[in-house]
């Protein structure tokens, strides 16, 4: 799996600004980010979420995509 990080951008005049902000907020929720960062074995997009804690079986802390 290849994951790429980027920025969240919601134009101030977006036709669905409130929905876009709610969507970004849901994605950044610590409960969601904890699962995502554990899956990627990487840091979270939310700085309030602790770094990944779980390693994949048979690996040295890398994701299944990069585990030997």
PDB file of N, CA and C in Angstrom:
ATOM      1  N   UNK A   1       0.842  -1.174   0.000  1.00  0.00           N
ATOM      2  CA  UNK A   1       0.000   0.000   0.000  1.00  0.00           C
ATOM      3  C   UNK A   1       0.883   1.230   0.000  1.00  0.00           C
ATOM      4  N   UNK A   2       0.516   2.185  -0.802  1.00  0.00           N
ATOM      5  CA  UNK A   2       1.219   3.461  -0.818  1.00  0.00           C
ATOM      6  C   UNK A   2       0.235   4.519  -0.341  1.00  0.00           C
ATOM      7  N   UNK A   3       0.637   5.255   0.664  1.00  0.00           N
ATOM      8  CA  UNK A   3      -0.205   6.333   1.180  1.00  0.00           C
ATOM      9  C   UNK A   3       0.558   7.637   1.037  1.00  0.00           C
ATOM     10  N   UNK A   4      -0.137   8.659   0.700  1.00  0.00           N
ATOM     11  CA  UNK A   4       0.483   9.951   0.493  1.00  0.00           C
ATOM     12  C   UNK A   4      -0.247  10.984   1.332  1.00  0.00           C
ATOM     13  N   UNK A   5       0.504  11.802   1.995  1.00  0.00           N
ATOM     14  CA  UNK A   5      -0.142  12.833   2.798  1.00  0.00           C
ATOM     15  C   UNK A   5      -0.254  14.118   1.987  1.00  0.00           C
ATOM     16  N   UNK A   6      -1.176  14.923   2.363  1.00  0.00           N
ATOM     17  CA  UNK A   6      -1.385  16.201   1.701  1.00  0.00           C
ATOM     18  C   UNK A   6      -2.149  17.117   2.621  1.00  0.00           C
ATOM     19  N   UNK A   7      -2.502  18.240   2.125  1.00  0.00           N
ATOM     20  CA  UNK A   7      -3.214  19.219   2.947  1.00  0.00           C
ATOM     21  C   UNK A   7      -4.717  19.100   2.719  1.00  0.00           C
ATOM     22  N   UNK A   8      -5.471  19.515   3.724  1.00  0.00           N
ATOM     23  CA  UNK A   8      -6.917  19.641   3.574  1.00  0.00           C
ATOM     24  C   UNK A   8      -7.196  21.089   3.208  1.00  0.00           C
ATOM     25  N   UNK A   9      -7.925  21.292   2.148  1.00  0.00           N
ATOM     26  CA  UNK A   9      -8.255  22.644   1.725  1.00  0.00           C
ATOM     27  C   UNK A   9      -9.762  22.726   1.529  1.00  0.00           C
ATOM     28  N   UNK A  10     -10.374  23.686   2.199  1.00  0.00           N
ATOM     29  CA  UNK A  10     -11.794  23.954   2.025  1.00  0.00           C
ATOM     30  C   UNK A  10     -11.925  25.434   1.703  1.00  0.00           C
ATOM     31  N   UNK A  11     -12.261  25.757   0.464  1.00  0.00           N
ATOM     32  CA  UNK A  11     -12.412  27.167   0.105  1.00  0.00           C
ATOM     33  C   UNK A  11     -13.483  27.842   0.958  1.00  0.00           C
ATOM     34  N   UNK A  12     -13.227  29.055   1.360  1.00  0.00           N
ATOM     35  CA  UNK A  12     -14.176  29.764   2.224  1.00  0.00           C
ATOM     36  C   UNK A  12     -15.520  29.980   1.541  1.00  0.00           C
ATOM     37  N   UNK A  13     -15.542  29.998   0.217  1.00  0.00           N
ATOM     38  CA  UNK A  13     -16.805  30.197  -0.509  1.00  0.00           C
ATOM     39  C   UNK A  13     -17.333  28.906  -1.129  1.00  0.00           C
ATOM     40  N   UNK A  14     -16.881  27.779  -0.646  1.00  0.00           N
ATOM     41  CA  UNK A  14     -17.347  26.494  -1.181  1.00  0.00           C
ATOM     42  C   UNK A  14     -18.855  26.371  -1.005  1.00  0.00           C
ATOM     43  N   UNK A  15     -19.511  25.793  -1.985  1.00  0.00           N
ATOM     44  CA  UNK A  15     -20.972  25.675  -1.915  1.00  0.00           C
ATOM     45  C   UNK A  15     -21.422  24.775  -0.772  1.00  0.00           C
ATOM     46  N   UNK A  16     -20.566  23.853  -0.372  1.00  0.00           N
ATOM     47  CA  UNK A  16     -20.902  22.961   0.747  1.00  0.00           C
ATOM     48  C   UNK A  16     -19.832  23.073   1.835  1.00  0.00           C
ATOM     49  N   UNK A  17     -19.501  24.293   2.192  1.00  0.00           N
ATOM     50  CA  UNK A  17     -18.438  24.560   3.163  1.00  0.00           C
ATOM     51  C   UNK A  17     -18.675  23.839   4.486  1.00  0.00           C
ATOM     52  N   UNK A  18     -19.876  23.929   5.022  1.00  0.00           N
ATOM     53  CA  UNK A  18     -20.164  23.287   6.307  1.00  0.00           C
ATOM     54  C   UNK A  18     -19.976  21.770   6.239  1.00  0.00           C
ATOM     55  N   UNK A  19     -20.420  21.161   5.154  1.00  0.00           N
ATOM     56  CA  UNK A  19     -20.275  19.710   4.998  1.00  0.00           C
ATOM     57  C   UNK A  19     -18.802  19.335   4.859  1.00  0.00           C
ATOM     58  N   UNK A  20     -18.048  20.130   4.123  1.00  0.00           N
ATOM     59  CA  UNK A  20     -16.622  19.846   3.952  1.00  0.00           C
ATOM     60  C   UNK A  20     -15.876  19.979   5.279  1.00  0.00           C
ATOM     61  N   UNK A  21     -16.205  20.972   6.065  1.00  0.00           N
ATOM     62  CA  UNK A  21     -15.564  21.151   7.373  1.00  0.00           C
ATOM     63  C   UNK A  21     -15.931  19.995   8.307  1.00  0.00           C
ATOM     64  N   UNK A  22     -17.178  19.546   8.253  1.00  0.00           N
ATOM     65  CA  UNK A  22     -17.604  18.413   9.076  1.00  0.00           C
ATOM     66  C   UNK A  22     -16.861  17.146   8.662  1.00  0.00           C
ATOM     67  N   UNK A  23     -16.673  16.957   7.367  1.00  0.00           N
ATOM     68  CA  UNK A  23     -15.955  15.793   6.861  1.00  0.00           C
ATOM     69  C   UNK A  23     -14.496  15.821   7.321  1.00  0.00           C
ATOM     70  N   UNK A  24     -13.844  16.957   7.206  1.00  0.00           N
ATOM     71  CA  UNK A  24     -12.455  17.078   7.664  1.00  0.00           C
ATOM     72  C   UNK A  24     -12.366  16.838   9.171  1.00  0.00           C
ATOM     73  N   UNK A  25     -13.325  17.362   9.910  1.00  0.00           N
ATOM     74  CA  UNK A  25     -13.340  17.153  11.353  1.00  0.00           C
ATOM     75  C   UNK A  25     -13.516  15.690  11.724  1.00  0.00           C
ATOM     76  N   UNK A  26     -14.374  14.992  10.984  1.00  0.00           N
ATOM     77  CA  UNK A  26     -14.586  13.566  11.248  1.00  0.00           C
ATOM     78  C   UNK A  26     -13.312  12.773  10.966  1.00  0.00           C
ATOM     79  N   UNK A  27     -12.619  13.109   9.894  1.00  0.00           N
ATOM     80  CA  UNK A  27     -11.385  12.404   9.537  1.00  0.00           C
ATOM     81  C   UNK A  27     -10.297  12.642  10.580  1.00  0.00           C
ATOM     82  N   UNK A  28     -10.236  13.839  11.138  1.00  0.00           N
ATOM     83  CA  UNK A  28      -9.204  14.166  12.117  1.00  0.00           C
ATOM     84  C   UNK A  28      -9.552  13.737  13.534  1.00  0.00           C
ATOM     85  N   UNK A  29     -10.736  13.178  13.751  1.00  0.00           N
ATOM     86  CA  UNK A  29     -11.122  12.704  15.068  1.00  0.00           C
ATOM     87  C   UNK A  29     -10.075  11.704  15.575  1.00  0.00           C
ATOM     88  N   UNK A  30      -9.610  11.841  16.826  1.00  0.00           N
ATOM     89  CA  UNK A  30      -8.587  10.935  17.341  1.00  0.00           C
ATOM     90  C   UNK A  30      -8.943   9.448  17.233  1.00  0.00           C
ATOM     91  N   UNK A  31     -10.213   9.102  17.365  1.00  0.00           N
ATOM     92  CA  UNK A  31     -10.606   7.690  17.248  1.00  0.00           C
ATOM     93  C   UNK A  31     -10.335   7.161  15.839  1.00  0.00           C
ATOM     94  N   UNK A  32     -10.567   7.983  14.835  1.00  0.00           N
ATOM     95  CA  UNK A  32     -10.308   7.593  13.448  1.00  0.00           C
ATOM     96  C   UNK A  32      -8.806   7.594  13.180  1.00  0.00           C
ATOM     97  N   UNK A  33      -8.123   8.634  13.614  1.00  0.00           N
ATOM     98  CA  UNK A  33      -6.695   8.752  13.364  1.00  0.00           C
ATOM     99  C   UNK A  33      -5.878   7.676  14.071  1.00  0.00           C
ATOM    100  N   UNK A  34      -6.337   7.225  15.234  1.00  0.00           N
ATOM    101  CA  UNK A  34      -5.630   6.151  15.942  1.00  0.00           C
ATOM    102  C   UNK A  34      -5.595   4.887  15.075  1.00  0.00           C
ATOM    103  N   UNK A  35      -6.722   4.511  14.506  1.00  0.00           N
ATOM    104  CA  UNK A  35      -6.804   3.329  13.647  1.00  0.00           C
ATOM    105  C   UNK A  35      -5.940   3.527  12.400  1.00  0.00           C
ATOM    106  N   UNK A  36      -6.036   4.698  11.790  1.00  0.00           N
ATOM    107  CA  UNK A  36      -5.288   4.978  10.569  1.00  0.00           C
ATOM    108  C   UNK A  36      -3.778   4.969  10.819  1.00  0.00           C
ATOM    109  N   UNK A  37      -3.324   5.623  11.872  1.00  0.00           N
ATOM    110  CA  UNK A  37      -1.886   5.670  12.140  1.00  0.00           C
ATOM    111  C   UNK A  37      -1.354   4.296  12.546  1.00  0.00           C
ATOM    112  N   UNK A  38      -2.150   3.503  13.258  1.00  0.00           N
ATOM    113  CA  UNK A  38      -1.740   2.137  13.574  1.00  0.00           C
ATOM    114  C   UNK A  38      -1.622   1.300  12.298  1.00  0.00           C
ATOM    115  N   UNK A  39      -2.589   1.462  11.397  1.00  0.00           N
ATOM    116  CA  UNK A  39      -2.559   0.721  10.141  1.00  0.00           C
ATOM    117  C   UNK A  39      -1.318   1.065   9.327  1.00  0.00           C
ATOM    118  N   UNK A  40      -1.004   2.352   9.226  1.00  0.00           N
ATOM    119  CA  UNK A  40       0.151   2.781   8.443  1.00  0.00           C
ATOM    120  C   UNK A  40       1.472   2.647   9.188  1.00  0.00           C
ATOM    121  N   UNK A  41       1.391   2.466  10.516  1.00  0.00           N
ATOM    122  CA  UNK A  41       2.587   2.485  11.353  1.00  0.00           C
ATOM    123  C   UNK A  41       3.338   3.792  11.137  1.00  0.00           C
ATOM    124  N   UNK A  42       2.605   4.879  11.239  1.00  0.00           N
ATOM    125  CA  UNK A  42       3.154   6.207  10.983  1.00  0.00           C
ATOM    126  C   UNK A  42       2.472   7.198  11.904  1.00  0.00           C
ATOM    127  N   UNK A  43       2.860   8.423  11.814  1.00  0.00           N
ATOM    128  CA  UNK A  43       2.236   9.445  12.640  1.00  0.00           C
ATOM    129  C   UNK A  43       0.863   9.795  12.078  1.00  0.00           C
ATOM    130  N   UNK A  44       0.083  10.454  12.897  1.00  0.00           N
ATOM    131  CA  UNK A  44      -1.276  10.825  12.553  1.00  0.00           C
ATOM    132  C   UNK A  44      -1.321  12.200  11.905  1.00  0.00           C
ATOM    133  N   UNK A  45      -2.374  12.445  11.154  1.00  0.00           N
ATOM    134  CA  UNK A  45      -2.612  13.783  10.614  1.00  0.00           C
ATOM    135  C   UNK A  45      -3.058  14.741  11.717  1.00  0.00           C
ATOM    136  N   UNK A  46      -3.475  14.188  12.845  1.00  0.00           N
ATOM    137  CA  UNK A  46      -3.905  14.991  13.984  1.00  0.00           C
ATOM    138  C   UNK A  46      -2.777  15.007  15.011  1.00  0.00           C
ATOM    139  N   UNK A  47      -2.164  16.162  15.261  1.00  0.00           N
ATOM    140  CA  UNK A  47      -1.048  16.207  16.207  1.00  0.00           C
ATOM    141  C   UNK A  47      -1.442  15.847  17.641  1.00  0.00           C
ATOM    142  N   UNK A  48      -2.722  15.816  17.936  1.00  0.00           N
ATOM    143  CA  UNK A  48      -3.175  15.432  19.283  1.00  0.00           C
ATOM    144  C   UNK A  48      -3.285  13.921  19.447  1.00  0.00           C
ATOM    145  N   UNK A  49      -3.084  13.185  18.364  1.00  0.00           N
ATOM    146  CA  UNK A  49      -3.172  11.730  18.395  1.00  0.00           C
ATOM    147  C   UNK A  49      -1.761  11.166  18.560  1.00  0.00           C
ATOM    148  N   UNK A  50      -1.591  10.267  19.515  1.00  0.00           N
ATOM    149  CA  UNK A  50      -0.276   9.668  19.777  1.00  0.00           C
ATOM    150  C   UNK A  50       0.204   8.879  18.566  1.00  0.00           C
ATOM    151  N   UNK A  51       1.519   8.728  18.406  1.00  0.00           N
ATOM    152  CA  UNK A  51       2.057   7.936  17.295  1.00  0.00           C
ATOM    153  C   UNK A  51       1.595   6.482  17.360  1.00  0.00           C
ATOM    154  N   UNK A  52       1.761   5.784  16.265  1.00  0.00           N
ATOM    155  CA  UNK A  52       1.370   4.381  16.167  1.00  0.00           C
ATOM    156  C   UNK A  52       2.052   3.560  17.258  1.00  0.00           C
ATOM    157  N   UNK A  53       1.323   2.576  17.764  1.00  0.00           N
ATOM    158  CA  UNK A  53       1.848   1.755  18.849  1.00  0.00           C
ATOM    159  C   UNK A  53       1.944   0.282  18.487  1.00  0.00           C
ATOM    160  N   UNK A  54       1.261  -0.144  17.473  1.00  0.00           N
ATOM    161  CA  UNK A  54       1.205  -1.564  17.137  1.00  0.00           C
ATOM    162  C   UNK A  54       2.130  -1.863  15.955  1.00  0.00           C
ATOM    163  N   UNK A  55       2.862  -2.953  16.020  1.00  0.00           N
ATOM    164  CA  UNK A  55       3.656  -3.374  14.875  1.00  0.00           C
ATOM    165  C   UNK A  55       3.005  -4.600  14.250  1.00  0.00           C
ATOM    166  N   UNK A  56       3.271  -4.807  12.984  1.00  0.00           N
ATOM    167  CA  UNK A  56       2.673  -5.915  12.252  1.00  0.00           C
ATOM    168  C   UNK A  56       3.404  -7.211  12.575  1.00  0.00           C
ATOM    169  N   UNK A  57       2.694  -8.317  12.700  1.00  0.00           N
ATOM    170  CA  UNK A  57       3.332  -9.610  12.987  1.00  0.00           C
ATOM    171  C   UNK A  57       4.424  -9.935  11.969  1.00  0.00           C
ATOM    172  N   UNK A  58       5.558 -10.377  12.472  1.00  0.00           N
ATOM    173  CA  UNK A  58       6.643 -10.762  11.593  1.00  0.00           C
ATOM    174  C   UNK A  58       7.422  -9.622  10.989  1.00  0.00           C
ATOM    175  N   UNK A  59       7.189  -8.422  11.490  1.00  0.00           N
ATOM    176  CA  UNK A  59       7.900  -7.275  10.931  1.00  0.00           C
ATOM    177  C   UNK A  59       8.643  -6.544  12.034  1.00  0.00           C
ATOM    178  N   UNK A  60       9.382  -5.561  11.623  1.00  0.00           N
ATOM    179  CA  UNK A  60      10.114  -4.744  12.601  1.00  0.00           C
ATOM    180  C   UNK A  60       9.478  -3.376  12.717  1.00  0.00           C
ATOM    181  N   UNK A  61       8.141  -3.345  12.772  1.00  0.00           N
ATOM    182  CA  UNK A  61       7.428  -2.079  12.928  1.00  0.00           C
ATOM    183  C   UNK A  61       7.063  -1.439  11.609  1.00  0.00           C
ATOM    184  N   UNK A  62       7.059  -2.188  10.530  1.00  0.00           N
ATOM    185  CA  UNK A  62       6.685  -1.627   9.251  1.00  0.00           C
ATOM    186  C   UNK A  62       5.319  -2.155   8.848  1.00  0.00           C
ATOM    187  N   UNK A  63       4.736  -1.530   7.880  1.00  0.00           N
ATOM    188  CA  UNK A  63       3.420  -1.956   7.408  1.00  0.00           C
ATOM    189  C   UNK A  63       3.542  -3.221   6.579  1.00  0.00           C
ATOM    190  N   UNK A  64       2.436  -3.940   6.345  1.00  0.00           N
ATOM    191  CA  UNK A  64       2.493  -5.156   5.535  1.00  0.00           C
ATOM    192  C   UNK A  64       3.068  -4.898   4.136  1.00  0.00           C
ATOM    193  N   UNK A  65       2.865  -3.710   3.617  1.00  0.00           N
ATOM    194  CA  UNK A  65       3.338  -3.400   2.274  1.00  0.00           C
ATOM    195  C   UNK A  65       4.858  -3.327   2.219  1.00  0.00           C
ATOM    196  N   UNK A  66       5.496  -2.997   3.325  1.00  0.00           N
ATOM    197  CA  UNK A  66       6.944  -2.861   3.307  1.00  0.00           C
ATOM    198  C   UNK A  66       7.644  -3.934   4.135  1.00  0.00           C
ATOM    199  N   UNK A  67       6.899  -4.777   4.813  1.00  0.00           N
ATOM    200  CA  UNK A  67       7.506  -5.827   5.636  1.00  0.00           C
ATOM    201  C   UNK A  67       8.166  -6.869   4.727  1.00  0.00           C
ATOM    202  N   UNK A  68       9.314  -7.343   5.147  1.00  0.00           N
ATOM    203  CA  UNK A  68      10.041  -8.333   4.330  1.00  0.00           C
ATOM    204  C   UNK A  68       9.500  -9.726   4.562  1.00  0.00           C
TER     205      UNK A  68
END
